[in-house]
Amino acid sequence: MKKLVCAAFAVVFLLSIAMCGCTPVPSKTPDKYEGVKWVTPDYSLRFNPDDDCKGNYTYNNVKYNIQVEFDGSRVTATDIDKDQKLFDGDWMFEEGEHLYIHGVKYNTSDYEELKGDFQEFFRLHKEKIKTDDDEDSESETE
């Protein structure tokens, strides 16, 4: 009987490990979206996939021009003015439409001023970018 119970636990354990490895992969990464920019509610972090994922990050009234790069589940923000990594972390989609960057680690060896930045995650949403076509259609409806 003990062997049967142990075997059942082993099977359940192996199945749970297999199920954890089957996390669904998103159909596209945040840098593949078009016509939107990703922004935090306070606009401290934003980037535009249509512009090579360039944007900016603001901390303590200092604005850093950044370029964001996605590699698998990792994300890296590079200061394009100094060509140095500003921070990196992991990303995932949350509630379908929000981009969640977590486990953020700042490059405090090159940016001492970021030692006081304790922001460990960002929650970004898509903001539609207005195009000339949008402005034309708005003027026609007025």
N, C-alpha and C. Protein backbone atom coordinates (compact mmCIF):
# COMPACT_ATOMS: atom_id res chain seq x y z
N MET A 1 0.83 -1.20 0.00
CA MET A 1 0.00 0.00 0.00
C MET A 1 0.87 1.26 0.00
N LYS A 2 1.97 1.23 0.79
CA LYS A 2 2.86 2.39 0.86
C LYS A 2 3.49 2.66 -0.50
N LYS A 3 3.84 1.59 -1.22
CA LYS A 3 4.45 1.77 -2.53
C LYS A 3 3.45 2.42 -3.50
N LEU A 4 2.20 2.04 -3.40
CA LEU A 4 1.16 2.60 -4.27
C LEU A 4 0.95 4.09 -3.99
N VAL A 5 0.92 4.45 -2.71
CA VAL A 5 0.75 5.86 -2.33
C VAL A 5 1.95 6.67 -2.78
N CYS A 6 3.15 6.15 -2.58
CA CYS A 6 4.37 6.84 -3.02
C CYS A 6 4.39 7.01 -4.53
N ALA A 7 3.98 5.99 -5.25
CA ALA A 7 3.94 6.07 -6.70
C ALA A 7 2.92 7.11 -7.15
N ALA A 8 1.77 7.18 -6.48
CA ALA A 8 0.74 8.17 -6.82
C ALA A 8 1.25 9.59 -6.58
N PHE A 9 1.94 9.80 -5.45
CA PHE A 9 2.52 11.12 -5.17
C PHE A 9 3.57 11.49 -6.20
N ALA A 10 4.36 10.52 -6.62
CA ALA A 10 5.40 10.77 -7.62
C ALA A 10 4.78 11.20 -8.95
N VAL A 11 3.72 10.51 -9.33
CA VAL A 11 3.03 10.86 -10.58
C VAL A 11 2.43 12.26 -10.50
N VAL A 12 1.78 12.58 -9.40
CA VAL A 12 1.19 13.91 -9.22
C VAL A 12 2.29 14.98 -9.23
N PHE A 13 3.39 14.70 -8.58
CA PHE A 13 4.51 15.65 -8.54
C PHE A 13 5.06 15.88 -9.95
N LEU A 14 5.29 14.83 -10.70
CA LEU A 14 5.82 14.96 -12.06
C LEU A 14 4.84 15.69 -12.98
N LEU A 15 3.56 15.42 -12.82
CA LEU A 15 2.56 16.13 -13.63
C LEU A 15 2.52 17.61 -13.30
N SER A 16 2.67 17.95 -12.02
CA SER A 16 2.66 19.37 -11.64
C SER A 16 3.88 20.09 -12.20
N ILE A 17 5.02 19.43 -12.23
CA ILE A 17 6.22 20.02 -12.82
C ILE A 17 6.01 20.22 -14.32
N ALA A 18 5.44 19.24 -14.98
CA ALA A 18 5.20 19.34 -16.42
C ALA A 18 4.21 20.46 -16.73
N MET A 19 3.20 20.62 -15.89
CA MET A 19 2.19 21.67 -16.12
C MET A 19 2.79 23.05 -15.92
N CYS A 20 3.69 23.20 -14.98
CA CYS A 20 4.33 24.50 -14.74
C CYS A 20 5.17 24.92 -15.93
N GLY A 21 5.75 23.98 -16.61
CA GLY A 21 6.57 24.29 -17.77
C GLY A 21 5.76 24.63 -19.00
N CYS A 22 4.47 24.50 -18.92
CA CYS A 22 3.61 24.75 -20.08
C CYS A 22 2.91 26.10 -19.98
N THR A 23 3.61 27.12 -19.51
CA THR A 23 3.04 28.45 -19.44
C THR A 23 2.84 28.96 -20.85
N PRO A 24 1.66 29.49 -21.18
CA PRO A 24 1.42 29.94 -22.55
C PRO A 24 2.33 31.11 -22.92
N VAL A 25 2.86 31.08 -24.12
CA VAL A 25 3.70 32.14 -24.63
C VAL A 25 2.80 33.17 -25.33
N PRO A 26 3.00 34.47 -25.04
CA PRO A 26 2.18 35.48 -25.70
C PRO A 26 2.35 35.42 -27.21
N SER A 27 1.30 35.79 -27.94
CA SER A 27 1.35 35.73 -29.39
C SER A 27 2.36 36.73 -29.97
N LYS A 28 2.57 37.85 -29.29
CA LYS A 28 3.60 38.78 -29.73
C LYS A 28 4.14 39.55 -28.53
N THR A 29 5.36 40.01 -28.68
CA THR A 29 6.02 40.75 -27.61
C THR A 29 5.61 42.22 -27.67
N PRO A 30 5.80 42.96 -26.60
CA PRO A 30 5.37 44.37 -26.57
C PRO A 30 5.99 45.23 -27.65
N ASP A 31 7.17 44.87 -28.12
CA ASP A 31 7.81 45.67 -29.17
C ASP A 31 7.22 45.42 -30.56
N LYS A 32 6.31 44.48 -30.69
CA LYS A 32 5.69 44.17 -31.99
C LYS A 32 4.36 44.89 -32.20
N TYR A 33 3.88 45.62 -31.21
CA TYR A 33 2.61 46.34 -31.36
C TYR A 33 2.82 47.58 -32.23
N GLU A 34 1.80 47.94 -32.99
CA GLU A 34 1.88 49.10 -33.87
C GLU A 34 0.78 50.09 -33.52
N GLY A 35 1.10 51.37 -33.69
CA GLY A 35 0.10 52.41 -33.48
C GLY A 35 -0.18 52.73 -32.01
N VAL A 36 0.65 52.23 -31.11
CA VAL A 36 0.48 52.51 -29.69
C VAL A 36 1.84 52.83 -29.08
N LYS A 37 1.80 53.44 -27.91
CA LYS A 37 2.99 53.56 -27.09
C LYS A 37 2.65 52.99 -25.73
N TRP A 38 3.62 52.43 -25.07
CA TRP A 38 3.45 51.86 -23.74
C TRP A 38 3.82 52.93 -22.73
N VAL A 39 2.93 53.19 -21.77
CA VAL A 39 3.16 54.25 -20.78
C VAL A 39 2.71 53.79 -19.40
N THR A 40 3.39 54.32 -18.37
CA THR A 40 2.93 54.12 -16.99
C THR A 40 1.90 55.21 -16.71
N PRO A 41 1.05 55.03 -15.72
CA PRO A 41 0.03 56.04 -15.41
C PRO A 41 0.62 57.43 -15.12
N ASP A 42 1.80 57.49 -14.53
CA ASP A 42 2.41 58.80 -14.22
C ASP A 42 3.38 59.26 -15.32
N TYR A 43 3.46 58.53 -16.41
CA TYR A 43 4.32 58.84 -17.56
C TYR A 43 5.81 58.87 -17.21
N SER A 44 6.20 58.21 -16.12
CA SER A 44 7.62 58.18 -15.78
C SER A 44 8.39 57.23 -16.69
N LEU A 45 7.71 56.27 -17.27
CA LEU A 45 8.32 55.35 -18.22
C LEU A 45 7.40 55.25 -19.42
N ARG A 46 7.97 55.45 -20.59
CA ARG A 46 7.19 55.29 -21.82
C ARG A 46 8.12 54.97 -22.97
N PHE A 47 7.60 54.20 -23.91
CA PHE A 47 8.36 53.90 -25.12
C PHE A 47 7.39 53.58 -26.25
N ASN A 48 7.89 53.77 -27.47
CA ASN A 48 7.08 53.64 -28.67
C ASN A 48 7.64 52.52 -29.54
N PRO A 49 6.93 51.40 -29.69
CA PRO A 49 7.42 50.31 -30.53
C PRO A 49 7.64 50.72 -31.99
N ASP A 50 6.84 51.68 -32.49
CA ASP A 50 6.99 52.12 -33.88
C ASP A 50 8.26 52.94 -34.09
N ASP A 51 8.86 53.43 -33.02
CA ASP A 51 10.08 54.23 -33.11
C ASP A 51 11.26 53.46 -32.52
N ASP A 52 11.38 52.18 -32.89
CA ASP A 52 12.49 51.35 -32.42
C ASP A 52 12.50 51.20 -30.90
N CYS A 53 11.33 51.28 -30.28
CA CYS A 53 11.17 51.16 -28.83
C CYS A 53 11.93 52.25 -28.07
N LYS A 54 12.04 53.42 -28.69
CA LYS A 54 12.67 54.55 -28.01
C LYS A 54 11.63 55.26 -27.16
N GLY A 55 12.09 55.85 -26.08
CA GLY A 55 11.21 56.57 -25.18
C GLY A 55 12.03 57.26 -24.12
N ASN A 56 11.44 57.36 -22.92
CA ASN A 56 12.20 57.98 -21.83
C ASN A 56 11.75 57.42 -20.49
N TYR A 57 12.65 57.59 -19.54
CA TYR A 57 12.41 57.22 -18.15
C TYR A 57 12.78 58.42 -17.31
N THR A 58 11.89 58.81 -16.40
CA THR A 58 12.13 59.98 -15.55
C THR A 58 12.19 59.54 -14.10
N TYR A 59 13.27 59.95 -13.43
CA TYR A 59 13.43 59.69 -12.00
C TYR A 59 14.04 60.92 -11.36
N ASN A 60 13.40 61.41 -10.29
CA ASN A 60 13.90 62.57 -9.55
C ASN A 60 14.11 63.79 -10.46
N ASN A 61 13.16 64.01 -11.34
CA ASN A 61 13.18 65.12 -12.30
C ASN A 61 14.33 65.05 -13.30
N VAL A 62 14.95 63.89 -13.45
CA VAL A 62 15.98 63.68 -14.47
C VAL A 62 15.38 62.76 -15.52
N LYS A 63 15.44 63.19 -16.77
CA LYS A 63 14.86 62.41 -17.87
C LYS A 63 15.99 61.70 -18.62
N TYR A 64 15.85 60.39 -18.76
CA TYR A 64 16.80 59.57 -19.50
C TYR A 64 16.15 59.14 -20.80
N ASN A 65 16.83 59.36 -21.91
CA ASN A 65 16.36 58.87 -23.21
C ASN A 65 16.77 57.42 -23.31
N ILE A 66 15.79 56.56 -23.54
CA ILE A 66 16.05 55.12 -23.50
C ILE A 66 15.61 54.43 -24.77
N GLN A 67 16.12 53.24 -24.94
CA GLN A 67 15.64 52.31 -25.95
C GLN A 67 15.43 50.98 -25.23
N VAL A 68 14.25 50.42 -25.38
CA VAL A 68 13.88 49.19 -24.68
C VAL A 68 14.04 48.01 -25.63
N GLU A 69 14.58 46.92 -25.11
CA GLU A 69 14.79 45.72 -25.92
C GLU A 69 14.22 44.51 -25.18
N PHE A 70 13.49 43.69 -25.90
CA PHE A 70 12.89 42.48 -25.34
C PHE A 70 13.63 41.26 -25.89
N ASP A 71 14.02 40.39 -24.98
CA ASP A 71 14.72 39.16 -25.36
C ASP A 71 14.13 38.03 -24.53
N GLY A 72 13.24 37.28 -25.13
CA GLY A 72 12.52 36.25 -24.37
C GLY A 72 11.66 36.91 -23.31
N SER A 73 11.85 36.52 -22.06
CA SER A 73 11.08 37.11 -20.97
C SER A 73 11.83 38.27 -20.31
N ARG A 74 13.01 38.62 -20.83
CA ARG A 74 13.82 39.70 -20.27
C ARG A 74 13.59 41.00 -21.03
N VAL A 75 13.73 42.10 -20.31
CA VAL A 75 13.64 43.43 -20.91
C VAL A 75 14.81 44.26 -20.39
N THR A 76 15.40 45.04 -21.30
CA THR A 76 16.53 45.89 -20.94
C THR A 76 16.25 47.29 -21.47
N ALA A 77 16.46 48.29 -20.62
CA ALA A 77 16.36 49.69 -21.03
C ALA A 77 17.77 50.26 -21.07
N THR A 78 18.16 50.76 -22.24
CA THR A 78 19.50 51.32 -22.44
C THR A 78 19.40 52.83 -22.56
N ASP A 79 20.25 53.53 -21.86
CA ASP A 79 20.37 54.99 -21.97
C ASP A 79 21.05 55.26 -23.31
N ILE A 80 20.30 55.79 -24.29
CA ILE A 80 20.86 55.95 -25.62
C ILE A 80 21.83 57.13 -25.71
N ASP A 81 21.79 58.04 -24.74
CA ASP A 81 22.75 59.15 -24.75
C ASP A 81 24.13 58.69 -24.31
N LYS A 82 24.19 57.74 -23.37
CA LYS A 82 25.47 57.24 -22.85
C LYS A 82 25.80 55.84 -23.36
N ASP A 83 24.85 55.22 -24.07
CA ASP A 83 25.01 53.85 -24.57
C ASP A 83 25.36 52.89 -23.44
N GLN A 84 24.61 53.00 -22.32
CA GLN A 84 24.81 52.11 -21.17
C GLN A 84 23.45 51.61 -20.69
N LYS A 85 23.46 50.39 -20.15
CA LYS A 85 22.23 49.82 -19.60
C LYS A 85 21.79 50.68 -18.41
N LEU A 86 20.51 51.06 -18.42
CA LEU A 86 19.95 51.83 -17.30
C LEU A 86 19.32 50.87 -16.28
N PHE A 87 18.51 49.93 -16.78
CA PHE A 87 17.93 48.90 -15.91
C PHE A 87 17.52 47.71 -16.75
N ASP A 88 17.28 46.60 -16.08
CA ASP A 88 16.71 45.43 -16.73
C ASP A 88 15.75 44.74 -15.78
N GLY A 89 15.02 43.80 -16.31
CA GLY A 89 14.04 43.07 -15.52
C GLY A 89 13.36 42.01 -16.36
N ASP A 90 12.25 41.53 -15.87
CA ASP A 90 11.44 40.54 -16.58
C ASP A 90 10.12 41.19 -16.95
N TRP A 91 9.46 40.66 -17.97
CA TRP A 91 8.18 41.22 -18.38
C TRP A 91 7.16 40.10 -18.59
N MET A 92 5.90 40.49 -18.52
CA MET A 92 4.78 39.60 -18.83
C MET A 92 3.56 40.47 -19.07
N PHE A 93 2.56 39.91 -19.72
CA PHE A 93 1.30 40.61 -19.88
C PHE A 93 0.43 40.32 -18.67
N GLU A 94 -0.26 41.33 -18.21
CA GLU A 94 -1.13 41.21 -17.04
C GLU A 94 -2.53 41.64 -17.45
N GLU A 95 -3.50 40.83 -17.10
CA GLU A 95 -4.91 41.12 -17.41
C GLU A 95 -5.09 41.42 -18.90
N GLY A 96 -4.33 40.74 -19.73
CA GLY A 96 -4.53 40.85 -21.16
C GLY A 96 -3.88 42.05 -21.82
N GLU A 97 -4.14 43.25 -21.35
CA GLU A 97 -3.73 44.45 -22.06
C GLU A 97 -2.64 45.26 -21.36
N HIS A 98 -2.23 44.88 -20.19
CA HIS A 98 -1.20 45.64 -19.47
C HIS A 98 0.14 44.93 -19.55
N LEU A 99 1.18 45.72 -19.68
CA LEU A 99 2.54 45.20 -19.68
C LEU A 99 3.07 45.38 -18.26
N TYR A 100 3.56 44.29 -17.70
CA TYR A 100 4.06 44.31 -16.33
C TYR A 100 5.54 43.99 -16.38
N ILE A 101 6.38 44.96 -16.01
CA ILE A 101 7.83 44.77 -15.92
C ILE A 101 8.17 44.64 -14.45
N HIS A 102 8.76 43.54 -14.06
CA HIS A 102 9.03 43.28 -12.64
C HIS A 102 10.46 42.81 -12.45
N GLY A 103 10.88 42.77 -11.20
CA GLY A 103 12.25 42.37 -10.89
C GLY A 103 13.26 43.36 -11.45
N VAL A 104 12.90 44.64 -11.44
CA VAL A 104 13.73 45.68 -12.03
C VAL A 104 15.01 45.85 -11.21
N LYS A 105 16.13 45.83 -11.91
CA LYS A 105 17.44 46.05 -11.28
C LYS A 105 18.12 47.19 -12.03
N TYR A 106 18.49 48.22 -11.28
CA TYR A 106 19.10 49.41 -11.87
C TYR A 106 20.61 49.27 -11.93
N ASN A 107 21.21 49.90 -12.91
CA ASN A 107 22.65 49.93 -13.08
C ASN A 107 23.21 51.05 -12.20
N THR A 108 23.34 50.75 -10.92
CA THR A 108 23.77 51.78 -9.97
C THR A 108 25.29 51.99 -9.99
N SER A 109 26.02 51.10 -10.65
CA SER A 109 27.47 51.33 -10.74
C SER A 109 27.77 52.47 -11.71
N ASP A 110 26.97 52.63 -12.75
CA ASP A 110 27.16 53.74 -13.70
C ASP A 110 26.23 54.91 -13.42
N TYR A 111 25.17 54.67 -12.66
CA TYR A 111 24.17 55.70 -12.35
C TYR A 111 23.95 55.72 -10.83
N GLU A 112 24.85 56.35 -10.11
CA GLU A 112 24.75 56.39 -8.65
C GLU A 112 23.45 57.03 -8.19
N GLU A 113 22.93 57.97 -8.96
CA GLU A 113 21.69 58.65 -8.58
C GLU A 113 20.50 57.70 -8.53
N LEU A 114 20.61 56.52 -9.14
CA LEU A 114 19.52 55.55 -9.11
C LEU A 114 19.55 54.65 -7.88
N LYS A 115 20.55 54.82 -7.02
CA LYS A 115 20.62 54.00 -5.80
C LYS A 115 19.38 54.21 -4.93
N GLY A 116 18.78 55.37 -5.01
CA GLY A 116 17.57 55.66 -4.23
C GLY A 116 16.29 55.30 -4.94
N ASP A 117 16.39 54.75 -6.15
CA ASP A 117 15.20 54.37 -6.92
C ASP A 117 14.80 52.95 -6.52
N PHE A 118 13.73 52.86 -5.73
CA PHE A 118 13.29 51.57 -5.23
C PHE A 118 12.11 51.00 -6.01
N GLN A 119 11.84 51.56 -7.18
CA GLN A 119 10.77 51.07 -8.06
C GLN A 119 11.17 49.69 -8.57
N GLU A 120 10.48 48.65 -8.12
CA GLU A 120 10.83 47.29 -8.52
C GLU A 120 9.97 46.76 -9.65
N PHE A 121 8.91 47.47 -9.97
CA PHE A 121 8.06 47.03 -11.08
C PHE A 121 7.38 48.23 -11.72
N PHE A 122 6.97 48.04 -12.97
CA PHE A 122 6.20 49.03 -13.72
C PHE A 122 4.99 48.34 -14.32
N ARG A 123 3.88 49.02 -14.31
CA ARG A 123 2.67 48.52 -14.96
C ARG A 123 2.31 49.53 -16.04
N LEU A 124 2.43 49.13 -17.28
CA LEU A 124 2.21 50.03 -18.40
C LEU A 124 0.94 49.64 -19.15
N HIS A 125 0.32 50.62 -19.77
CA HIS A 125 -0.84 50.36 -20.61
C HIS A 125 -0.56 50.92 -22.00
N LYS A 126 -1.37 50.48 -22.96
CA LYS A 126 -1.22 50.96 -24.32
C LYS A 126 -1.98 52.28 -24.47
N GLU A 127 -1.32 53.23 -25.09
CA GLU A 127 -1.96 54.50 -25.40
C GLU A 127 -1.89 54.67 -26.91
N LYS A 128 -3.04 54.87 -27.53
CA LYS A 128 -3.08 54.97 -28.98
C LYS A 128 -2.35 56.23 -29.44
N ILE A 129 -1.57 56.08 -30.49
CA ILE A 129 -0.85 57.21 -31.06
C ILE A 129 -1.74 57.84 -32.13
N LYS A 130 -1.95 59.13 -32.01
CA LYS A 130 -2.75 59.83 -33.01
C LYS A 130 -1.96 59.95 -34.30
N THR A 131 -2.63 59.67 -35.39
CA THR A 131 -2.02 59.81 -36.71
C THR A 131 -2.72 60.92 -37.46
N ASP A 132 -2.18 61.29 -38.61
CA ASP A 132 -2.83 62.31 -39.44
C ASP A 132 -4.22 61.87 -39.86
N ASP A 133 -4.40 60.55 -40.10
CA ASP A 133 -5.72 60.04 -40.48
C ASP A 133 -6.73 60.23 -39.37
N ASP A 134 -6.30 60.04 -38.11
CA ASP A 134 -7.21 60.25 -36.97
C ASP A 134 -7.65 61.69 -36.89
N GLU A 135 -6.72 62.63 -37.09
CA GLU A 135 -7.05 64.05 -37.02
C GLU A 135 -8.00 64.44 -38.14
N ASP A 136 -7.80 63.86 -39.35
CA ASP A 136 -8.69 64.15 -40.48
C ASP A 136 -10.10 63.66 -40.20
N SER A 137 -10.24 62.47 -39.62
CA SER A 137 -11.56 61.91 -39.35
C SER A 137 -12.26 62.69 -38.24
N GLU A 138 -11.49 63.22 -37.26
CA GLU A 138 -12.09 64.02 -36.20
C GLU A 138 -12.62 65.34 -36.76
N SER A 139 -11.88 65.97 -37.67
CA SER A 139 -12.33 67.26 -38.24
C SER A 139 -13.55 67.07 -39.12
N GLU A 140 -13.69 65.89 -39.76
CA GLU A 140 -14.86 65.63 -40.59
C GLU A 140 -16.11 65.45 -39.75
N THR A 141 -15.97 64.92 -38.52
CA THR A 141 -17.15 64.68 -37.69
C THR A 141 -17.60 65.93 -36.96
N GLU A 142 -16.76 66.96 -36.89
CA GLU A 142 -17.13 68.17 -36.14
C GLU A 142 -18.00 69.07 -36.97
